[in-house]
Amino acid sequence: MLKFVLILVVILSVLLLLFLLYQSQKMLRHVQKQQAIENKKYGKPRQLHPKLQQTKKNQD
């Protein structure tokens, strides 16, 4: 009887862990989509790395 209860608890724990992992990934994807929309909307200014800026200036 005790083994059965322990197996059941382990199975439920694994199911809960998988459910929480699914929910966190779902929330993360939602936040990433919102961030991408905000970035497109407000146009985040971008800056090249200083080394890349130097090479770009040298090419011009």
PDB file of N, CA and C in Angstrom:
ATOM      1  N   MET A   1       0.829  -1.200   0.000  1.00  0.00           N
ATOM      2  CA  MET A   1       0.000   0.000   0.000  1.00  0.00           C
ATOM      3  C   MET A   1       0.872   1.263   0.000  1.00  0.00           C
ATOM      4  N   LEU A   2       1.900   1.265   0.831  1.00  0.00           N
ATOM      5  CA  LEU A   2       2.776   2.429   0.922  1.00  0.00           C
ATOM      6  C   LEU A   2       3.516   2.666  -0.397  1.00  0.00           C
ATOM      7  N   LYS A   3       3.949   1.562  -1.042  1.00  0.00           N
ATOM      8  CA  LYS A   3       4.628   1.700  -2.330  1.00  0.00           C
ATOM      9  C   LYS A   3       3.695   2.334  -3.358  1.00  0.00           C
ATOM     10  N   PHE A   4       2.459   1.922  -3.349  1.00  0.00           N
ATOM     11  CA  PHE A   4       1.482   2.461  -4.292  1.00  0.00           C
ATOM     12  C   PHE A   4       1.305   3.964  -4.085  1.00  0.00           C
ATOM     13  N   VAL A   5       1.209   4.378  -2.839  1.00  0.00           N
ATOM     14  CA  VAL A   5       1.044   5.802  -2.527  1.00  0.00           C
ATOM     15  C   VAL A   5       2.291   6.581  -2.956  1.00  0.00           C
ATOM     16  N   LEU A   6       3.456   6.043  -2.689  1.00  0.00           N
ATOM     17  CA  LEU A   6       4.695   6.718  -3.078  1.00  0.00           C
ATOM     18  C   LEU A   6       4.811   6.845  -4.597  1.00  0.00           C
ATOM     19  N   ILE A   7       4.470   5.801  -5.314  1.00  0.00           N
ATOM     20  CA  ILE A   7       4.497   5.853  -6.779  1.00  0.00           C
ATOM     21  C   ILE A   7       3.515   6.896  -7.282  1.00  0.00           C
ATOM     22  N   LEU A   8       2.351   6.947  -6.686  1.00  0.00           N
ATOM     23  CA  LEU A   8       1.341   7.931  -7.073  1.00  0.00           C
ATOM     24  C   LEU A   8       1.832   9.355  -6.804  1.00  0.00           C
ATOM     25  N   VAL A   9       2.468   9.564  -5.670  1.00  0.00           N
ATOM     26  CA  VAL A   9       3.001  10.887  -5.332  1.00  0.00           C
ATOM     27  C   VAL A   9       4.092  11.289  -6.322  1.00  0.00           C
ATOM     28  N   VAL A  10       4.958  10.367  -6.678  1.00  0.00           N
ATOM     29  CA  VAL A  10       6.021  10.666  -7.642  1.00  0.00           C
ATOM     30  C   VAL A  10       5.421  11.012  -9.002  1.00  0.00           C
ATOM     31  N   ILE A  11       4.453  10.258  -9.444  1.00  0.00           N
ATOM     32  CA  ILE A  11       3.809  10.526 -10.736  1.00  0.00           C
ATOM     33  C   ILE A  11       3.134  11.887 -10.719  1.00  0.00           C
ATOM     34  N   LEU A  12       2.430  12.193  -9.656  1.00  0.00           N
ATOM     35  CA  LEU A  12       1.772  13.499  -9.558  1.00  0.00           C
ATOM     36  C   LEU A  12       2.796  14.633  -9.516  1.00  0.00           C
ATOM     37  N   SER A  13       3.902  14.412  -8.843  1.00  0.00           N
ATOM     38  CA  SER A  13       4.951  15.437  -8.786  1.00  0.00           C
ATOM     39  C   SER A  13       5.540  15.695 -10.170  1.00  0.00           C
ATOM     40  N   VAL A  14       5.779  14.641 -10.919  1.00  0.00           N
ATOM     41  CA  VAL A  14       6.316  14.794 -12.274  1.00  0.00           C
ATOM     42  C   VAL A  14       5.306  15.509 -13.157  1.00  0.00           C
ATOM     43  N   LEU A  15       4.043  15.155 -13.032  1.00  0.00           N
ATOM     44  CA  LEU A  15       3.008  15.828 -13.819  1.00  0.00           C
ATOM     45  C   LEU A  15       2.923  17.308 -13.463  1.00  0.00           C
ATOM     46  N   LEU A  16       3.006  17.622 -12.196  1.00  0.00           N
ATOM     47  CA  LEU A  16       2.983  19.018 -11.767  1.00  0.00           C
ATOM     48  C   LEU A  16       4.193  19.769 -12.313  1.00  0.00           C
ATOM     49  N   LEU A  17       5.347  19.148 -12.262  1.00  0.00           N
ATOM     50  CA  LEU A  17       6.556  19.770 -12.792  1.00  0.00           C
ATOM     51  C   LEU A  17       6.423  20.047 -14.291  1.00  0.00           C
ATOM     52  N   LEU A  18       5.909  19.092 -15.041  1.00  0.00           N
ATOM     53  CA  LEU A  18       5.715  19.283 -16.478  1.00  0.00           C
ATOM     54  C   LEU A  18       4.699  20.384 -16.755  1.00  0.00           C
ATOM     55  N   PHE A  19       3.637  20.432 -15.972  1.00  0.00           N
ATOM     56  CA  PHE A  19       2.629  21.479 -16.143  1.00  0.00           C
ATOM     57  C   PHE A  19       3.231  22.858 -15.883  1.00  0.00           C
ATOM     58  N   LEU A  20       4.006  22.983 -14.819  1.00  0.00           N
ATOM     59  CA  LEU A  20       4.631  24.266 -14.506  1.00  0.00           C
ATOM     60  C   LEU A  20       5.643  24.672 -15.573  1.00  0.00           C
ATOM     61  N   LEU A  21       6.369  23.720 -16.097  1.00  0.00           N
ATOM     62  CA  LEU A  21       7.307  24.004 -17.187  1.00  0.00           C
ATOM     63  C   LEU A  21       6.556  24.507 -18.416  1.00  0.00           C
ATOM     64  N   TYR A  22       5.446  23.865 -18.737  1.00  0.00           N
ATOM     65  CA  TYR A  22       4.627  24.294 -19.876  1.00  0.00           C
ATOM     66  C   TYR A  22       4.107  25.711 -19.669  1.00  0.00           C
ATOM     67  N   GLN A  23       3.599  25.991 -18.476  1.00  0.00           N
ATOM     68  CA  GLN A  23       3.054  27.324 -18.193  1.00  0.00           C
ATOM     69  C   GLN A  23       4.139  28.391 -18.268  1.00  0.00           C
ATOM     70  N   SER A  24       5.316  28.102 -17.750  1.00  0.00           N
ATOM     71  CA  SER A  24       6.384  29.101 -17.772  1.00  0.00           C
ATOM     72  C   SER A  24       6.831  29.378 -19.205  1.00  0.00           C
ATOM     73  N   GLN A  25       6.902  28.353 -20.036  1.00  0.00           N
ATOM     74  CA  GLN A  25       7.275  28.558 -21.439  1.00  0.00           C
ATOM     75  C   GLN A  25       6.205  29.357 -22.174  1.00  0.00           C
ATOM     76  N   LYS A  26       4.955  29.085 -21.856  1.00  0.00           N
ATOM     77  CA  LYS A  26       3.849  29.821 -22.467  1.00  0.00           C
ATOM     78  C   LYS A  26       3.912  31.300 -22.087  1.00  0.00           C
ATOM     79  N   MET A  27       4.156  31.575 -20.816  1.00  0.00           N
ATOM     80  CA  MET A  27       4.260  32.967 -20.362  1.00  0.00           C
ATOM     81  C   MET A  27       5.475  33.650 -20.977  1.00  0.00           C
ATOM     82  N   LEU A  28       6.590  32.936 -21.067  1.00  0.00           N
ATOM     83  CA  LEU A  28       7.804  33.505 -21.650  1.00  0.00           C
ATOM     84  C   LEU A  28       7.580  33.878 -23.112  1.00  0.00           C
ATOM     85  N   ARG A  29       6.935  32.994 -23.872  1.00  0.00           N
ATOM     86  CA  ARG A  29       6.652  33.300 -25.279  1.00  0.00           C
ATOM     87  C   ARG A  29       5.748  34.514 -25.397  1.00  0.00           C
ATOM     88  N   HIS A  30       4.770  34.626 -24.514  1.00  0.00           N
ATOM     89  CA  HIS A  30       3.853  35.769 -24.542  1.00  0.00           C
ATOM     90  C   HIS A  30       4.604  37.071 -24.276  1.00  0.00           C
ATOM     91  N   VAL A  31       5.467  37.065 -23.282  1.00  0.00           N
ATOM     92  CA  VAL A  31       6.236  38.265 -22.943  1.00  0.00           C
ATOM     93  C   VAL A  31       7.192  38.624 -24.077  1.00  0.00           C
ATOM     94  N   GLN A  32       7.803  37.624 -24.694  1.00  0.00           N
ATOM     95  CA  GLN A  32       8.708  37.899 -25.812  1.00  0.00           C
ATOM     96  C   GLN A  32       7.954  38.518 -26.987  1.00  0.00           C
ATOM     97  N   LYS A  33       6.746  38.044 -27.253  1.00  0.00           N
ATOM     98  CA  LYS A  33       5.938  38.634 -28.326  1.00  0.00           C
ATOM     99  C   LYS A  33       5.595  40.078 -28.001  1.00  0.00           C
ATOM    100  N   GLN A  34       5.214  40.348 -26.750  1.00  0.00           N
ATOM    101  CA  GLN A  34       4.909  41.723 -26.344  1.00  0.00           C
ATOM    102  C   GLN A  34       6.137  42.612 -26.490  1.00  0.00           C
ATOM    103  N   GLN A  35       7.294  42.110 -26.101  1.00  0.00           N
ATOM    104  CA  GLN A  35       8.530  42.881 -26.202  1.00  0.00           C
ATOM    105  C   GLN A  35       8.855  43.184 -27.656  1.00  0.00           C
ATOM    106  N   ALA A  36       8.649  42.209 -28.529  1.00  0.00           N
ATOM    107  CA  ALA A  36       8.918  42.430 -29.954  1.00  0.00           C
ATOM    108  C   ALA A  36       7.977  43.486 -30.524  1.00  0.00           C
ATOM    109  N   ILE A  37       6.716  43.458 -30.103  1.00  0.00           N
ATOM    110  CA  ILE A  37       5.751  44.460 -30.571  1.00  0.00           C
ATOM    111  C   ILE A  37       6.154  45.842 -30.079  1.00  0.00           C
ATOM    112  N   GLU A  38       6.548  45.945 -28.809  1.00  0.00           N
ATOM    113  CA  GLU A  38       6.975  47.239 -28.268  1.00  0.00           C
ATOM    114  C   GLU A  38       8.221  47.753 -28.980  1.00  0.00           C
ATOM    115  N   ASN A  39       9.155  46.862 -29.271  1.00  0.00           N
ATOM    116  CA  ASN A  39      10.372  47.280 -29.965  1.00  0.00           C
ATOM    117  C   ASN A  39      10.048  47.804 -31.355  1.00  0.00           C
ATOM    118  N   LYS A  40       9.118  47.163 -32.043  1.00  0.00           N
ATOM    119  CA  LYS A  40       8.726  47.642 -33.368  1.00  0.00           C
ATOM    120  C   LYS A  40       7.991  48.969 -33.268  1.00  0.00           C
ATOM    121  N   LYS A  41       7.163  49.080 -32.239  1.00  0.00           N
ATOM    122  CA  LYS A  41       6.337  50.281 -32.089  1.00  0.00           C
ATOM    123  C   LYS A  41       7.182  51.506 -31.744  1.00  0.00           C
ATOM    124  N   TYR A  42       8.084  51.364 -30.804  1.00  0.00           N
ATOM    125  CA  TYR A  42       8.845  52.517 -30.323  1.00  0.00           C
ATOM    126  C   TYR A  42      10.213  52.649 -30.984  1.00  0.00           C
ATOM    127  N   GLY A  43      10.611  51.684 -31.774  1.00  0.00           N
ATOM    128  CA  GLY A  43      11.871  51.771 -32.499  1.00  0.00           C
ATOM    129  C   GLY A  43      13.070  52.011 -31.613  1.00  0.00           C
ATOM    130  N   LYS A  44      13.497  51.006 -30.921  1.00  0.00           N
ATOM    131  CA  LYS A  44      14.651  51.095 -30.032  1.00  0.00           C
ATOM    132  C   LYS A  44      15.890  51.519 -30.831  1.00  0.00           C
ATOM    133  N   PRO A  45      16.563  52.586 -30.427  1.00  0.00           N
ATOM    134  CA  PRO A  45      17.770  52.985 -31.169  1.00  0.00           C
ATOM    135  C   PRO A  45      18.879  51.945 -30.993  1.00  0.00           C
ATOM    136  N   ARG A  46      19.537  51.645 -32.082  1.00  0.00           N
ATOM    137  CA  ARG A  46      20.587  50.624 -32.034  1.00  0.00           C
ATOM    138  C   ARG A  46      21.948  51.275 -32.217  1.00  0.00           C
ATOM    139  N   GLN A  47      22.947  50.685 -31.599  1.00  0.00           N
ATOM    140  CA  GLN A  47      24.297  51.227 -31.683  1.00  0.00           C
ATOM    141  C   GLN A  47      25.260  50.075 -31.956  1.00  0.00           C
ATOM    142  N   LEU A  48      26.165  50.308 -32.896  1.00  0.00           N
ATOM    143  CA  LEU A  48      27.166  49.293 -33.196  1.00  0.00           C
ATOM    144  C   LEU A  48      28.213  49.222 -32.092  1.00  0.00           C
ATOM    145  N   HIS A  49      28.805  48.066 -31.985  1.00  0.00           N
ATOM    146  CA  HIS A  49      29.925  47.886 -31.068  1.00  0.00           C
ATOM    147  C   HIS A  49      31.065  48.797 -31.523  1.00  0.00           C
ATOM    148  N   PRO A  50      31.815  49.387 -30.587  1.00  0.00           N
ATOM    149  CA  PRO A  50      32.880  50.333 -30.974  1.00  0.00           C
ATOM    150  C   PRO A  50      33.866  49.786 -32.011  1.00  0.00           C
ATOM    151  N   LYS A  51      34.235  48.521 -31.912  1.00  0.00           N
ATOM    152  CA  LYS A  51      35.158  47.950 -32.900  1.00  0.00           C
ATOM    153  C   LYS A  51      34.516  47.912 -34.281  1.00  0.00           C
ATOM    154  N   LEU A  52      33.226  47.595 -34.326  1.00  0.00           N
ATOM    155  CA  LEU A  52      32.535  47.577 -35.616  1.00  0.00           C
ATOM    156  C   LEU A  52      32.378  48.987 -36.163  1.00  0.00           C
ATOM    157  N   GLN A  53      32.193  49.958 -35.288  1.00  0.00           N
ATOM    158  CA  GLN A  53      32.100  51.349 -35.742  1.00  0.00           C
ATOM    159  C   GLN A  53      33.414  51.777 -36.385  1.00  0.00           C
ATOM    160  N   GLN A  54      34.530  51.383 -35.795  1.00  0.00           N
ATOM    161  CA  GLN A  54      35.842  51.748 -36.343  1.00  0.00           C
ATOM    162  C   GLN A  54      36.044  51.129 -37.722  1.00  0.00           C
ATOM    163  N   THR A  55      35.689  49.857 -37.853  1.00  0.00           N
ATOM    164  CA  THR A  55      35.872  49.210 -39.160  1.00  0.00           C
ATOM    165  C   THR A  55      34.945  49.826 -40.198  1.00  0.00           C
ATOM    166  N   LYS A  56      33.755  50.216 -39.781  1.00  0.00           N
ATOM    167  CA  LYS A  56      32.827  50.849 -40.716  1.00  0.00           C
ATOM    168  C   LYS A  56      33.372  52.208 -41.164  1.00  0.00           C
ATOM    169  N   LYS A  57      33.935  52.973 -40.212  1.00  0.00           N
ATOM    170  CA  LYS A  57      34.514  54.277 -40.555  1.00  0.00           C
ATOM    171  C   LYS A  57      35.710  54.095 -41.487  1.00  0.00           C
ATOM    172  N   ASN A  58      36.493  53.063 -41.246  1.00  0.00           N
ATOM    173  CA  ASN A  58      37.662  52.801 -42.091  1.00  0.00           C
ATOM    174  C   ASN A  58      37.249  52.404 -43.506  1.00  0.00           C
ATOM    175  N   GLN A  59      36.118  51.715 -43.628  1.00  0.00           N
ATOM    176  CA  GLN A  59      35.643  51.312 -44.949  1.00  0.00           C
ATOM    177  C   GLN A  59      35.110  52.503 -45.726  1.00  0.00           C
ATOM    178  N   ASP A  60      34.542  53.489 -45.038  1.00  0.00           N
ATOM    179  CA  ASP A  60      33.962  54.671 -45.711  1.00  0.00           C
ATOM    180  C   ASP A  60      34.989  55.622 -46.175  1.00  0.00           C
TER     181      ASP A  60
END
